[in-house]
C-alpha atoms as a PDB file:
ATOM      1  CA  MET A   1     -45.858 -30.918 -52.371  1.00  0.00           C
ATOM      2  CA  LEU A   2     -47.062 -27.873 -54.289  1.00  0.00           C
ATOM      3  CA  ASP A   3     -50.459 -29.499 -54.822  1.00  0.00           C
ATOM      4  CA  TRP A   4     -50.830 -30.003 -51.095  1.00  0.00           C
ATOM      5  CA  LEU A   5     -49.763 -26.396 -50.445  1.00  0.00           C
ATOM      6  CA  ASN A   6     -52.266 -25.070 -52.992  1.00  0.00           C
ATOM      7  CA  GLU A   7     -55.078 -27.153 -51.500  1.00  0.00           C
ATOM      8  CA  ASN A   8     -54.173 -26.341 -47.885  1.00  0.00           C
ATOM      9  CA  ALA A   9     -52.812 -22.816 -48.213  1.00  0.00           C
ATOM     10  CA  HIS A  10     -55.205 -21.618 -45.515  1.00  0.00           C
ATOM     11  CA  TRP A  11     -53.536 -23.968 -43.007  1.00  0.00           C
ATOM     12  CA  ALA A  12     -50.108 -22.728 -44.033  1.00  0.00           C
ATOM     13  CA  TRP A  13     -51.169 -19.096 -43.452  1.00  0.00           C
ATOM     14  CA  MET A  14     -52.788 -19.880 -40.112  1.00  0.00           C
ATOM     15  CA  THR A  15     -49.748 -21.858 -38.977  1.00  0.00           C
ATOM     16  CA  LEU A  16     -47.465 -19.010 -40.033  1.00  0.00           C
ATOM     17  CA  GLY A  17     -49.661 -16.621 -38.041  1.00  0.00           C
ATOM     18  CA  LEU A  18     -49.444 -18.756 -34.908  1.00  0.00           C
ATOM     19  CA  VAL A  19     -45.672 -19.170 -35.301  1.00  0.00           C
ATOM     20  CA  LEU A  20     -45.246 -15.382 -35.641  1.00  0.00           C
ATOM     21  CA  ALA A  21     -47.454 -14.806 -32.586  1.00  0.00           C
ATOM     22  CA  GLY A  22     -45.344 -17.326 -30.655  1.00  0.00           C
ATOM     23  CA  LEU A  23     -42.106 -15.675 -31.768  1.00  0.00           C
ATOM     24  CA  GLU A  24     -43.464 -12.347 -30.500  1.00  0.00           C
ATOM     25  CA  MET A  25     -43.112 -13.720 -26.978  1.00  0.00           C
ATOM     26  CA  MET A  26     -39.422 -14.530 -27.504  1.00  0.00           C
ATOM     27  CA  VAL A  27     -38.287 -11.530 -29.553  1.00  0.00           C
ATOM     28  CA  PRO A  28     -38.294  -8.069 -27.952  1.00  0.00           C
ATOM     29  CA  GLY A  29     -40.503  -5.513 -29.624  1.00  0.00           C
ATOM     30  CA  VAL A  30     -44.080  -5.407 -30.770  1.00  0.00           C
ATOM     31  CA  TYR A  31     -44.151  -6.100 -34.466  1.00  0.00           C
ATOM     32  CA  LEU A  32     -44.407  -9.845 -35.138  1.00  0.00           C
ATOM     33  CA  ILE A  33     -47.865 -10.053 -33.570  1.00  0.00           C
ATOM     34  CA  TRP A  34     -49.273  -7.745 -36.259  1.00  0.00           C
ATOM     35  CA  LEU A  35     -47.766  -9.891 -39.010  1.00  0.00           C
ATOM     36  CA  GLY A  36     -49.175 -12.972 -37.274  1.00  0.00           C
ATOM     37  CA  ILE A  37     -52.670 -11.473 -37.182  1.00  0.00           C
ATOM     38  CA  ALA A  38     -52.385 -10.544 -40.869  1.00  0.00           C
ATOM     39  CA  ALA A  39     -51.317 -14.139 -41.705  1.00  0.00           C
ATOM     40  CA  ILE A  40     -54.249 -15.625 -39.771  1.00  0.00           C
ATOM     41  CA  ILE A  41     -56.726 -13.282 -41.502  1.00  0.00           C
ATOM     42  CA  THR A  42     -55.149 -14.173 -44.854  1.00  0.00           C
ATOM     43  CA  GLY A  43     -55.645 -17.867 -44.012  1.00  0.00           C
ATOM     44  CA  VAL A  44     -59.307 -17.315 -43.158  1.00  0.00           C
ATOM     45  CA  MET A  45     -59.832 -15.313 -46.363  1.00  0.00           C
ATOM     46  CA  THR A  46     -58.079 -18.012 -48.409  1.00  0.00           C
ATOM     47  CA  LEU A  47     -60.328 -20.672 -46.896  1.00  0.00           C
ATOM     48  CA  GLY A  48     -63.511 -18.687 -47.529  1.00  0.00           C
ATOM     49  CA  LEU A  49     -62.719 -17.094 -50.887  1.00  0.00           C
ATOM     50  CA  ASP A  50     -60.325 -19.642 -52.472  1.00  0.00           C
ATOM     51  CA  LEU A  51     -57.732 -16.990 -53.326  1.00  0.00           C
ATOM     52  CA  SER A  52     -54.912 -17.511 -55.796  1.00  0.00           C
ATOM     53  CA  PRO A  53     -51.340 -17.499 -54.435  1.00  0.00           C
ATOM     54  CA  ALA A  54     -50.720 -14.014 -55.868  1.00  0.00           C
ATOM     55  CA  MET A  55     -53.858 -12.636 -54.181  1.00  0.00           C
ATOM     56  CA  GLN A  56     -52.862 -14.317 -50.937  1.00  0.00           C
ATOM     57  CA  LEU A  57     -49.519 -12.507 -50.947  1.00  0.00           C
ATOM     58  CA  ILE A  58     -51.128  -9.192 -51.882  1.00  0.00           C
ATOM     59  CA  ASP A  59     -53.710  -9.601 -49.104  1.00  0.00           C
ATOM     60  CA  PHE A  60     -51.016 -10.488 -46.585  1.00  0.00           C
ATOM     61  CA  VAL A  61     -48.860  -7.466 -47.480  1.00  0.00           C
ATOM     62  CA  PHE A  62     -51.761  -5.008 -47.383  1.00  0.00           C
ATOM     63  CA  LEU A  63     -53.222  -6.477 -44.193  1.00  0.00           C
ATOM     64  CA  SER A  64     -49.796  -6.346 -42.538  1.00  0.00           C
ATOM     65  CA  LEU A  65     -49.397  -2.672 -43.410  1.00  0.00           C
ATOM     66  CA  ILE A  66     -52.939  -1.745 -42.392  1.00  0.00           C
ATOM     67  CA  ILE A  67     -52.797  -3.615 -39.079  1.00  0.00           C
ATOM     68  CA  ALA A  68     -49.285  -2.449 -38.147  1.00  0.00           C
ATOM     69  CA  PHE A  69     -49.937   1.235 -38.899  1.00  0.00           C
ATOM     70  CA  SER A  70     -53.350   1.127 -37.226  1.00  0.00           C
ATOM     71  CA  ALA A  71     -51.833  -0.401 -34.089  1.00  0.00           C
ATOM     72  CA  LYS A  72     -49.052   2.185 -34.082  1.00  0.00           C
ATOM     73  CA  ARG A  73     -51.569   4.994 -34.325  1.00  0.00           C
ATOM     74  CA  ILE A  74     -53.886   3.589 -31.657  1.00  0.00           C
ATOM     75  CA  LEU A  75     -51.048   2.865 -29.220  1.00  0.00           C
ATOM     76  CA  GLY A  76     -49.530   6.287 -29.946  1.00  0.00           C
ATOM     77  CA  GLU A  77     -52.768   8.070 -29.066  1.00  0.00           C
ATOM     78  CA  ARG A  78     -53.546   5.891 -26.043  1.00  0.00           C
ATOM     79  CA  PRO A  79     -50.305   4.428 -24.671  1.00  0.00           C
ATOM     80  CA  ILE A  80     -50.499   1.602 -22.179  1.00  0.00           C
ATOM     81  CA  GLU A  81     -49.932   3.052 -18.709  1.00  0.00           C
ATOM     82  CA  SER A  82     -47.709   1.095 -16.367  1.00  0.00           C
ATOM     83  CA  SER A  83     -48.823   0.435 -12.804  1.00  0.00           C
ATOM     84  CA  ASP A  84     -45.188   1.021 -11.785  1.00  0.00           C
ATOM     85  CA  PRO A  85     -43.554   3.590 -14.105  1.00  0.00           C
ATOM     86  CA  LEU A  86     -40.245   3.405 -12.195  1.00  0.00           C
ATOM     87  CA  MET A  87     -39.980  -0.383 -12.470  1.00  0.00           C
ATOM     88  CA  ASN A  88     -36.772  -0.440 -14.517  1.00  0.00           C
ATOM     89  CA  ARG A  89     -35.384   2.865 -13.254  1.00  0.00           C
ATOM     90  CA  ARG A  90     -33.676   1.917 -10.009  1.00  0.00           C
ATOM     91  CA  GLY A  91     -31.991   5.299  -9.574  1.00  0.00           C
ATOM     92  CA  ALA A  92     -35.282   7.166  -9.924  1.00  0.00           C
ATOM     93  CA  ARG A  93     -36.752   5.002  -7.157  1.00  0.00           C
ATOM     94  CA  LEU A  94     -34.088   6.354  -4.809  1.00  0.00           C
ATOM     95  CA  VAL A  95     -35.087  10.022  -5.153  1.00  0.00           C
ATOM     96  CA  GLY A  96     -35.895  11.405  -1.710  1.00  0.00           C
ATOM     97  CA  GLU A  97     -33.806   8.787   0.133  1.00  0.00           C
ATOM     98  CA  THR A  98     -30.734   9.626   2.188  1.00  0.00           C
ATOM     99  CA  ALA A  99     -27.313   8.246   1.365  1.00  0.00           C
ATOM    100  CA  LEU A 100     -23.926   8.069   3.065  1.00  0.00           C
ATOM    101  CA  VAL A 101     -20.991   9.687   1.259  1.00  0.00           C
ATOM    102  CA  VAL A 102     -18.225   7.049   1.033  1.00  0.00           C
ATOM    103  CA  GLN A 103     -15.891   8.987  -1.270  1.00  0.00           C
ATOM    104  CA  ALA A 104     -15.909  12.740  -0.744  1.00  0.00           C
ATOM    105  CA  ILE A 105     -17.822  14.691  -3.352  1.00  0.00           C
ATOM    106  CA  GLU A 106     -15.178  17.069  -4.675  1.00  0.00           C
ATOM    107  CA  HIS A 107     -15.395  19.166  -7.806  1.00  0.00           C
ATOM    108  CA  GLY A 108     -18.949  17.908  -8.252  1.00  0.00           C
ATOM    109  CA  SER A 109     -18.300  14.145  -8.220  1.00  0.00           C
ATOM    110  CA  GLY A 110     -17.962  11.399  -5.604  1.00  0.00           C
ATOM    111  CA  ARG A 111     -19.539   8.147  -4.404  1.00  0.00           C
ATOM    112  CA  VAL A 112     -22.429   7.442  -2.060  1.00  0.00           C
ATOM    113  CA  LYS A 113     -23.744   4.298  -0.431  1.00  0.00           C
ATOM    114  CA  VAL A 114     -27.459   3.564  -0.617  1.00  0.00           C
ATOM    115  CA  GLY A 115     -28.579   0.333   1.001  1.00  0.00           C
ATOM    116  CA  ASP A 116     -25.953  -2.239   0.056  1.00  0.00           C
ATOM    117  CA  GLY A 117     -24.819  -0.568  -3.164  1.00  0.00           C
ATOM    118  CA  GLU A 118     -22.506   2.282  -4.086  1.00  0.00           C
ATOM    119  CA  TRP A 119     -23.386   4.878  -6.705  1.00  0.00           C
ATOM    120  CA  ILE A 120     -21.534   7.678  -8.446  1.00  0.00           C
ATOM    121  CA  ALA A 121     -22.937  10.959  -7.164  1.00  0.00           C
ATOM    122  CA  HIS A 122     -22.847  14.524  -8.468  1.00  0.00           C
ATOM    123  CA  GLY A 123     -23.488  17.534  -6.278  1.00  0.00           C
ATOM    124  CA  PRO A 124     -21.842  20.205  -4.144  1.00  0.00           C
ATOM    125  CA  ASN A 125     -18.701  19.408  -2.150  1.00  0.00           C
ATOM    126  CA  VAL A 126     -19.466  17.088   0.790  1.00  0.00           C
ATOM    127  CA  ALA A 127     -16.970  15.275   3.017  1.00  0.00           C
ATOM    128  CA  ALA A 128     -16.883  11.487   3.322  1.00  0.00           C
ATOM    129  CA  GLY A 129     -19.038  10.164   6.163  1.00  0.00           C
ATOM    130  CA  GLU A 130     -21.746  12.831   5.816  1.00  0.00           C
ATOM    131  CA  ARG A 131     -25.298  12.185   4.774  1.00  0.00           C
ATOM    132  CA  VAL A 132     -26.910  13.568   1.606  1.00  0.00           C
ATOM    133  CA  ARG A 133     -30.394  13.451   0.136  1.00  0.00           C
ATOM    134  CA  ILE A 134     -30.881  12.113  -3.384  1.00  0.00           C
ATOM    135  CA  SER A 135     -32.621  14.819  -5.406  1.00  0.00           C
ATOM    136  CA  GLY A 136     -32.612  13.242  -8.864  1.00  0.00           C
ATOM    137  CA  THR A 137     -30.775  11.098 -11.382  1.00  0.00           C
ATOM    138  CA  ASP A 138     -28.794  11.581 -14.551  1.00  0.00           C
ATOM    139  CA  GLY A 139     -28.780   8.120 -16.081  1.00  0.00           C
ATOM    140  CA  ALA A 140     -26.994   5.902 -13.540  1.00  0.00           C
ATOM    141  CA  ILE A 141     -25.580   8.887 -11.621  1.00  0.00           C
ATOM    142  CA  LEU A 142     -27.342  10.147  -8.509  1.00  0.00           C
ATOM    143  CA  LEU A 143     -27.769  13.883  -8.044  1.00  0.00           C
ATOM    144  CA  VAL A 144     -27.412  14.731  -4.354  1.00  0.00           C
ATOM    145  CA  GLU A 145     -27.607  17.709  -2.032  1.00  0.00           C
ATOM    146  CA  PRO A 146     -26.262  18.030   1.500  1.00  0.00           C
ATOM    147  CA  LEU A 147     -28.702  16.946   4.167  1.00  0.00           C
ATOM    148  CA  GLN A 148     -27.497  19.749   6.465  1.00  0.00           C
ATOM    149  CA  LYS A 149     -28.591  22.342   3.890  1.00  0.00           C
ATOM    150  CA  LEU A 150     -32.107  20.910   3.964  1.00  0.00           C
ATOM    151  CA  ILE A 151     -32.204  20.957   7.777  1.00  0.00           C
ATOM    152  CA  ASP A 152     -30.935  24.565   7.901  1.00  0.00           C
ATOM    153  CA  GLU A 153     -33.584  25.783   5.484  1.00  0.00           C
ATOM    154  CA  GLY A 154     -36.347  23.955   7.332  1.00  0.00           C
ATOM    155  CA  PRO A 155     -40.063  24.714   6.935  1.00  0.00           C
ATOM    156  CA  GLU A 156     -39.604  28.403   7.782  1.00  0.00           C
ATOM    157  CA  ALA A 157     -37.568  28.951   4.611  1.00  0.00           C
ATOM    158  CA  ALA A 158     -40.521  27.896   2.488  1.00  0.00           C
ATOM    159  CA  ALA A 159     -42.786  30.489   4.151  1.00  0.00           C
END
């Protein structure tokens, strides 16, 4: 078995690299792909240079560190921009919408209905049945302000 591994170490490294790249798709995070790339490069180097097992391990460790830190630096300087930055922030998508107060907002806290869901809301005192505008979020809590206040201020208030 060891003879086969010594003769075909390049295949073992390349297989390890592909397995790590495949695991990257199942495990959250972005770290196994860099180890997979390092393993594949180690396999190619082992095939071309006939490296000893100790050199293979040293190459793999150094390549892993170099590739991982290089990727971290590159992605830190130029992060990948999302086409929909609010994709997983449902509350933030609701900013600007109107909501119906279903449990009076008293002492700064109550409940509002938006669409078919109810949310905890923080804001000034508002009676149940009135409409409010969502002005922001604090985690899963909607920050609201009375709709009447916005109508009273109107465009003249901004002038």
